[in-house]
């Protein structure tokens, strides 16, 4: 939990962006000029709807207070959340990594806080935030491939977010890559997420440890199985651990394959890889690029296509999701401010 950025009262309108992921709820509060007033983060939202609403509302209130503002100063709240989102109603369905099946998130939070809320899929919101960043704004056709607890892609085409007719464009985490692979939370088997997502990597490591595979990823003097995180696996791979290396290589190969298929499907100029897994940095990117080179080797078409595509990591800006949620608020915020001015 971060220390307050501005302890004094700021006054004036503020906007709030919330990024709800599989491992945390992050909140960003910004002033009218988009300067950052506060950041706050707590562990993952509850799978129980009433508890989740109370938790999210609480961290929003705490962040606004930390910003030196009051809830009366908040003109709108943007929320990015995994799963299928109905933008018109703010309803969230099939957020499998959160355990939410049907949750009217927007309506529930508006009722709890008395503030207009805009809800969007978290990765699509993040893609909007990424496209607004100076480093990426010159590219109007790009994909933000977010790999965290789960996996999804946000697609920007001709400078606009592409949602699809069901709001599901880019839900590639549940593309089956290995029909004989591990079961996925979505109900299918061998999804991309089970191979390259953070939870899938951690689960695969634990399964291999319990099966007796040699590795440094063990816990306890009694040799009991560890419960390693994906970060532990990536760190062990850099130290040459054979199990960790196998899992990281498999994840990188799957990411490369899906990157190629995304470029084929959407014909974009740039693929930006973000999310928690991207913190593995250059070693991961090198593995992905090696995987892309293997795909390109037998195919002149694939080689030309990939040579013309900029594949990179998003970098260290961990506000992408929350800034994207705030970017969704521009029309709402303007409407609220204008209404209050007239009133």
Protein backbone atom coordinates (compact mmCIF):
# COMPACT_ATOMS: atom_id res chain seq x y z
CA UNK A 1 0.00 0.00 0.00
CA UNK A 2 1.55 3.29 -1.09
CA UNK A 3 1.98 6.39 1.04
CA UNK A 4 -0.23 9.42 0.34
CA UNK A 5 0.97 11.56 -2.54
CA UNK A 6 -0.90 14.73 -1.49
CA UNK A 7 -1.96 14.92 2.14
CA UNK A 8 -3.67 18.33 1.80
CA UNK A 9 -7.19 18.90 0.49
CA UNK A 10 -7.13 19.53 -3.25
CA UNK A 11 -10.73 20.49 -4.02
CA UNK A 12 -12.12 20.52 -7.55
CA UNK A 13 -13.30 17.62 -9.70
CA UNK A 14 -11.38 14.34 -9.67
CA UNK A 15 -11.78 11.12 -11.61
CA UNK A 16 -11.13 7.58 -10.44
CA UNK A 17 -9.87 4.58 -12.42
CA UNK A 18 -10.15 1.06 -11.03
CA UNK A 19 -8.36 -1.99 -12.44
CA UNK A 20 -9.85 -5.22 -11.09
CA UNK A 21 -7.62 -8.20 -11.83
CA UNK A 22 -7.20 -11.78 -10.73
CA UNK A 23 -4.66 -10.86 -8.06
CA UNK A 24 -5.43 -7.28 -7.04
CA UNK A 25 -7.73 -4.26 -7.17
CA UNK A 26 -5.79 -1.10 -8.14
CA UNK A 27 -7.19 2.42 -7.89
CA UNK A 28 -5.84 5.64 -9.41
CA UNK A 29 -7.20 9.10 -8.61
CA UNK A 30 -6.41 11.98 -10.97
CA UNK A 31 -7.14 15.70 -11.04
CA UNK A 32 -8.81 17.54 -13.91
CA UNK A 33 -5.41 17.93 -15.60
CA UNK A 34 -4.81 14.15 -15.19
CA UNK A 35 -2.03 14.63 -12.65
CA UNK A 36 -1.90 11.71 -10.22
CA UNK A 37 -3.30 12.44 -6.77
CA UNK A 38 -3.26 8.95 -5.27
CA UNK A 39 -2.71 5.27 -5.96
CA UNK A 40 -3.98 2.42 -3.86
CA UNK A 41 -3.97 -1.35 -4.24
CA UNK A 42 -5.42 -4.28 -2.30
CA UNK A 43 -5.53 -8.02 -2.82
CA UNK A 44 -7.93 -9.63 -5.26
CA UNK A 45 -11.66 -8.94 -5.05
CA UNK A 46 -13.82 -11.54 -3.34
CA UNK A 47 -15.67 -14.13 -5.40
CA UNK A 48 -18.77 -13.36 -3.29
CA UNK A 49 -20.59 -10.42 -4.94
CA UNK A 50 -21.66 -8.53 -1.80
CA UNK A 51 -18.17 -8.76 -0.32
CA UNK A 52 -16.60 -7.74 -3.65
CA UNK A 53 -18.80 -4.61 -3.93
CA UNK A 54 -18.01 -3.62 -0.36
CA UNK A 55 -14.28 -4.18 -0.88
CA UNK A 56 -14.10 -2.21 -4.14
CA UNK A 57 -16.17 0.65 -2.71
CA UNK A 58 -13.93 0.76 0.37
CA UNK A 59 -10.65 0.98 -1.55
CA UNK A 60 -12.13 3.71 -3.79
CA UNK A 61 -13.13 5.74 -0.74
CA UNK A 62 -9.69 5.24 0.82
CA UNK A 63 -7.92 6.34 -2.38
CA UNK A 64 -10.09 9.45 -2.74
CA UNK A 65 -9.38 10.37 0.87
CA UNK A 66 -5.68 9.77 0.31
CA UNK A 67 -5.87 12.15 -2.65
CA UNK A 68 -7.06 14.93 -0.39
CA UNK A 69 -10.52 14.92 -1.94
CA UNK A 70 -14.01 13.83 -0.95
CA UNK A 71 -16.49 11.63 -2.75
CA UNK A 72 -18.40 14.81 -3.62
CA UNK A 73 -15.37 15.81 -5.74
CA UNK A 74 -15.55 12.62 -7.84
CA UNK A 75 -17.31 13.22 -11.17
CA UNK A 76 -17.10 9.63 -12.44
CA UNK A 77 -15.50 6.25 -11.83
CA UNK A 78 -14.16 3.98 -14.56
CA UNK A 79 -13.71 0.28 -13.89
CA UNK A 80 -11.84 -2.34 -15.89
CA UNK A 81 -12.82 -5.90 -15.00
CA UNK A 82 -12.13 -9.34 -16.50
CA UNK A 83 -14.90 -11.11 -18.35
CA UNK A 84 -17.71 -10.15 -20.65
CA UNK A 85 -19.01 -6.65 -19.96
CA UNK A 86 -22.22 -5.02 -21.11
CA UNK A 87 -21.16 -1.39 -21.54
CA UNK A 88 -24.75 -0.16 -21.50
CA UNK A 89 -25.65 -1.72 -18.13
CA UNK A 90 -22.28 -2.30 -16.46
CA UNK A 91 -23.13 -5.97 -15.97
CA UNK A 92 -20.24 -8.44 -15.79
CA UNK A 93 -20.64 -12.07 -16.84
CA UNK A 94 -18.19 -14.96 -16.99
CA UNK A 95 -15.31 -13.37 -15.12
CA UNK A 96 -13.96 -16.88 -14.62
CA UNK A 97 -10.77 -15.98 -12.74
CA UNK A 98 -12.79 -13.94 -10.22
CA UNK A 99 -15.59 -16.46 -9.86
CA UNK A 100 -18.22 -13.94 -10.99
CA UNK A 101 -20.91 -15.22 -13.31
CA UNK A 102 -23.58 -12.49 -13.34
CA UNK A 103 -22.81 -9.31 -11.41
CA UNK A 104 -24.41 -5.89 -12.10
CA UNK A 105 -21.16 -4.22 -11.06
CA UNK A 106 -21.88 -0.75 -12.43
CA UNK A 107 -25.34 -0.49 -10.88
CA UNK A 108 -24.21 -1.90 -7.53
CA UNK A 109 -21.27 0.50 -7.21
CA UNK A 110 -23.32 3.50 -8.34
CA UNK A 111 -25.83 2.65 -5.62
CA UNK A 112 -23.08 2.21 -3.01
CA UNK A 113 -21.12 5.37 -3.89
CA UNK A 114 -23.62 7.68 -5.55
CA UNK A 115 -21.18 8.28 -8.43
CA UNK A 116 -21.64 7.50 -12.17
CA UNK A 117 -19.68 4.37 -13.10
CA UNK A 118 -18.47 3.15 -16.49
CA UNK A 119 -17.49 -0.50 -16.71
CA UNK A 120 -15.36 -2.08 -19.44
CA UNK A 121 -13.36 -5.25 -19.84
CA UNK A 122 -10.05 -4.65 -18.08
CA UNK A 123 -7.77 -5.45 -21.00
CA UNK A 124 -9.83 -3.43 -23.47
CA UNK A 125 -9.70 -0.51 -21.06
CA UNK A 126 -5.94 -0.99 -20.74
CA UNK A 127 -5.57 -0.95 -24.53
CA UNK A 128 -7.28 2.45 -24.59
CA UNK A 129 -4.92 3.68 -21.87
CA UNK A 130 -1.90 2.33 -23.71
CA UNK A 131 -2.90 4.00 -26.96
CA UNK A 132 -3.10 7.34 -25.15
CA UNK A 133 0.49 7.03 -23.92
CA UNK A 134 2.98 9.10 -25.90
CA UNK A 135 5.19 6.08 -26.66
CA UNK A 136 2.32 4.30 -28.41
CA UNK A 137 0.00 7.04 -29.65
CA UNK A 138 1.53 7.24 -33.11
CA UNK A 139 0.35 3.68 -33.88
CA UNK A 140 -3.35 3.43 -34.68
CA UNK A 141 -3.45 -0.34 -35.23
CA UNK A 142 -2.11 -2.22 -32.25
CA UNK A 143 -2.88 -5.04 -29.85
CA UNK A 144 -2.27 -5.01 -26.13
CA UNK A 145 -1.69 -8.63 -25.12
CA UNK A 146 -2.19 -8.77 -21.36
CA UNK A 147 -0.77 -11.82 -19.62
CA UNK A 148 -1.41 -11.93 -15.90
CA UNK A 149 -3.45 -14.39 -13.86
CA UNK A 150 -5.41 -14.86 -17.08
CA UNK A 151 -4.87 -13.75 -20.67
CA UNK A 152 -6.76 -11.45 -23.02
CA UNK A 153 -6.04 -8.95 -25.78
CA UNK A 154 -7.24 -5.41 -26.33
CA UNK A 155 -7.49 -4.47 -29.99
CA UNK A 156 -7.12 -0.91 -31.32
CA UNK A 157 -7.98 -0.56 -35.02
CA UNK A 158 -7.75 2.76 -36.86
CA UNK A 159 -7.28 4.47 -33.50
CA UNK A 160 -10.49 3.07 -31.99
CA UNK A 161 -11.16 0.26 -29.53
CA UNK A 162 -12.55 -2.79 -31.31
CA UNK A 163 -14.96 -4.59 -28.96
CA UNK A 164 -16.79 -6.95 -31.30
CA UNK A 165 -20.55 -7.50 -31.42
CA UNK A 166 -20.55 -9.28 -28.02
CA UNK A 167 -17.78 -7.25 -26.43
CA UNK A 168 -15.47 -10.25 -26.61
CA UNK A 169 -12.94 -9.29 -29.30
CA UNK A 170 -9.51 -10.46 -28.14
CA UNK A 171 -10.62 -13.15 -25.65
CA UNK A 172 -7.79 -15.40 -26.78
CA UNK A 173 -6.93 -16.76 -23.36
CA UNK A 174 -9.51 -19.46 -23.98
CA UNK A 175 -8.25 -20.55 -27.38
CA UNK A 176 -7.40 -24.24 -27.01
CA UNK A 177 -3.74 -24.90 -27.83
CA UNK A 178 -3.40 -28.36 -26.26
CA UNK A 179 -6.56 -30.50 -26.23
CA UNK A 180 -4.82 -32.94 -23.90
CA UNK A 181 -3.56 -30.22 -21.57
CA UNK A 182 -4.64 -28.93 -18.18
CA UNK A 183 -8.26 -28.06 -17.39
CA UNK A 184 -9.12 -24.37 -17.58
CA UNK A 185 -11.45 -22.38 -15.33
CA UNK A 186 -13.64 -21.71 -18.39
CA UNK A 187 -14.51 -25.41 -18.64
CA UNK A 188 -12.32 -26.24 -21.62
CA UNK A 189 -9.00 -28.08 -21.60
CA UNK A 190 -5.57 -26.87 -22.68
CA UNK A 191 -6.44 -23.21 -23.18
CA UNK A 192 -3.68 -20.68 -23.93
CA UNK A 193 -4.19 -19.39 -20.38
CA UNK A 194 -3.27 -22.74 -18.84
CA UNK A 195 0.11 -22.66 -20.60
CA UNK A 196 1.16 -19.00 -20.46
CA UNK A 197 -1.03 -17.34 -17.81
CA UNK A 198 0.42 -16.72 -14.37
CA UNK A 199 -1.97 -19.07 -12.62
CA UNK A 200 -1.41 -21.77 -15.25
CA UNK A 201 2.38 -21.58 -14.96
CA UNK A 202 2.22 -21.76 -11.16
CA UNK A 203 -0.21 -24.69 -11.28
CA UNK A 204 1.94 -26.57 -13.80
CA UNK A 205 5.01 -26.09 -11.61
CA UNK A 206 3.25 -27.42 -8.52
CA UNK A 207 1.88 -30.41 -10.44
CA UNK A 208 5.37 -31.27 -11.72
CA UNK A 209 6.88 -30.92 -8.25
CA UNK A 210 4.26 -33.23 -6.78
CA UNK A 211 5.04 -35.72 -9.54
CA UNK A 212 8.68 -35.75 -8.44
CA UNK A 213 10.28 -33.73 -11.24
CA UNK A 214 13.73 -32.43 -10.26
CA UNK A 215 13.72 -28.73 -9.44
CA UNK A 216 14.91 -26.11 -7.00
CA UNK A 217 11.29 -25.03 -6.53
CA UNK A 218 10.68 -26.99 -3.33
CA UNK A 219 9.74 -25.80 0.13
CA UNK A 220 10.45 -27.13 3.56
CA UNK A 221 13.19 -29.36 4.90
CA UNK A 222 10.82 -32.32 4.65
CA UNK A 223 10.84 -31.95 0.86
CA UNK A 224 7.17 -31.00 0.75
CA UNK A 225 5.93 -29.53 -2.49
CA UNK A 226 6.23 -25.79 -2.90
CA UNK A 227 3.42 -23.53 -4.00
CA UNK A 228 5.49 -21.43 -6.41
CA UNK A 229 4.25 -18.31 -8.13
CA UNK A 230 4.84 -17.58 -11.80
CA UNK A 231 7.46 -15.04 -10.68
CA UNK A 232 9.26 -17.82 -8.79
CA UNK A 233 9.23 -19.97 -11.93
CA UNK A 234 10.67 -17.20 -14.11
CA UNK A 235 13.39 -16.47 -11.54
CA UNK A 236 14.30 -20.15 -11.34
CA UNK A 237 14.44 -20.38 -15.13
CA UNK A 238 17.01 -17.59 -15.20
CA UNK A 239 19.08 -19.67 -12.77
CA UNK A 240 18.93 -22.65 -15.13
CA UNK A 241 16.39 -24.76 -13.25
CA UNK A 242 15.29 -27.49 -15.70
CA UNK A 243 11.60 -27.60 -14.73
CA UNK A 244 11.27 -23.83 -14.67
CA UNK A 245 13.09 -23.54 -17.99
CA UNK A 246 10.73 -26.05 -19.59
CA UNK A 247 7.65 -24.20 -18.37
CA UNK A 248 8.92 -20.75 -19.34
CA UNK A 249 9.99 -21.99 -22.78
CA UNK A 250 6.53 -23.50 -23.31
CA UNK A 251 4.86 -20.26 -22.23
CA UNK A 252 7.05 -18.15 -24.52
CA UNK A 253 6.41 -20.48 -27.46
CA UNK A 254 2.65 -20.23 -26.86
CA UNK A 255 2.85 -16.43 -26.64
CA UNK A 256 4.80 -16.33 -29.90
CA UNK A 257 2.26 -18.55 -31.61
CA UNK A 258 -0.65 -16.44 -30.41
CA UNK A 259 1.15 -13.22 -31.38
CA UNK A 260 1.49 -14.55 -34.91
CA UNK A 261 -2.18 -15.51 -35.03
CA UNK A 262 -3.28 -12.12 -33.71
CA UNK A 263 -1.24 -10.37 -36.40
CA UNK A 264 -2.79 -12.63 -39.02
CA UNK A 265 -6.30 -11.97 -37.71
CA UNK A 266 -6.10 -8.20 -37.24
CA UNK A 267 -3.16 -7.10 -39.45
CA UNK A 268 -1.81 -4.68 -36.85
CA UNK A 269 1.45 -2.76 -36.80
CA UNK A 270 2.34 -3.41 -33.19
CA UNK A 271 1.80 -6.04 -30.48
CA UNK A 272 2.51 -4.82 -26.95
CA UNK A 273 2.84 -7.47 -24.25
CA UNK A 274 1.90 -6.40 -20.74
CA UNK A 275 0.46 -7.74 -17.52
CA UNK A 276 2.28 -9.33 -14.62
CA UNK A 277 4.17 -11.83 -16.76
CA UNK A 278 5.78 -9.00 -18.74
CA UNK A 279 7.76 -8.06 -15.62
CA UNK A 280 10.03 -10.96 -16.48
CA UNK A 281 11.51 -8.43 -18.89
CA UNK A 282 14.05 -8.90 -21.64
CA UNK A 283 14.70 -12.63 -21.00
CA UNK A 284 11.02 -13.34 -21.68
CA UNK A 285 10.94 -11.09 -24.74
CA UNK A 286 14.04 -12.83 -26.11
CA UNK A 287 12.31 -16.20 -25.74
CA UNK A 288 9.19 -14.88 -27.48
CA UNK A 289 11.25 -13.48 -30.34
CA UNK A 290 13.01 -16.83 -30.64
CA UNK A 291 9.59 -18.45 -30.92
CA UNK A 292 8.57 -15.98 -33.62
CA UNK A 293 11.78 -16.74 -35.53
CA UNK A 294 10.94 -20.46 -35.45
CA UNK A 295 7.48 -19.71 -36.85
CA UNK A 296 8.96 -17.52 -39.59
CA UNK A 297 11.76 -19.91 -40.60
CA UNK A 298 9.77 -22.22 -42.93
CA UNK A 299 7.40 -19.55 -44.28
CA UNK A 300 8.31 -16.53 -46.39
CA UNK A 301 4.82 -15.16 -45.74
CA UNK A 302 5.14 -15.45 -41.95
CA UNK A 303 8.68 -14.07 -42.11
CA UNK A 304 7.56 -10.96 -44.00
CA UNK A 305 4.51 -10.44 -41.82
CA UNK A 306 6.43 -10.71 -38.56
CA UNK A 307 9.34 -8.62 -39.82
CA UNK A 308 6.89 -5.77 -40.34
CA UNK A 309 5.35 -6.12 -36.86
CA UNK A 310 6.81 -4.41 -33.82
CA UNK A 311 6.58 -6.82 -30.86
CA UNK A 312 7.57 -5.27 -27.55
CA UNK A 313 6.90 -5.21 -23.82
CA UNK A 314 4.66 -2.53 -22.34
CA UNK A 315 7.36 -1.39 -19.92
CA UNK A 316 7.14 -0.50 -16.27
CA UNK A 317 4.02 1.69 -16.31
CA UNK A 318 1.73 -0.17 -13.92
CA UNK A 319 -0.99 2.49 -14.33
CA UNK A 320 -1.98 1.29 -17.80
CA UNK A 321 -5.16 -0.41 -16.60
CA UNK A 322 -6.29 2.36 -14.26
CA UNK A 323 -5.44 5.10 -16.76
CA UNK A 324 -7.38 3.20 -19.39
CA UNK A 325 -10.39 3.06 -17.08
CA UNK A 326 -10.10 6.83 -16.61
CA UNK A 327 -9.82 7.36 -20.38
CA UNK A 328 -13.25 5.77 -20.75
CA UNK A 329 -14.72 8.55 -18.62
CA UNK A 330 -14.13 11.57 -20.83
CA UNK A 331 -17.70 11.85 -22.24
CA UNK A 332 -19.25 10.99 -18.85
CA UNK A 333 -17.09 13.48 -16.94
CA UNK A 334 -17.84 16.27 -19.40
CA UNK A 335 -21.57 15.59 -19.17
CA UNK A 336 -21.52 15.61 -15.35
CA UNK A 337 -19.49 18.81 -15.15
CA UNK A 338 -21.76 20.55 -17.70
CA UNK A 339 -24.89 19.42 -15.83
CA UNK A 340 -23.53 20.72 -12.53
CA UNK A 341 -22.58 24.04 -14.15
CA UNK A 342 -26.12 24.48 -15.46
CA UNK A 343 -27.58 23.50 -12.09
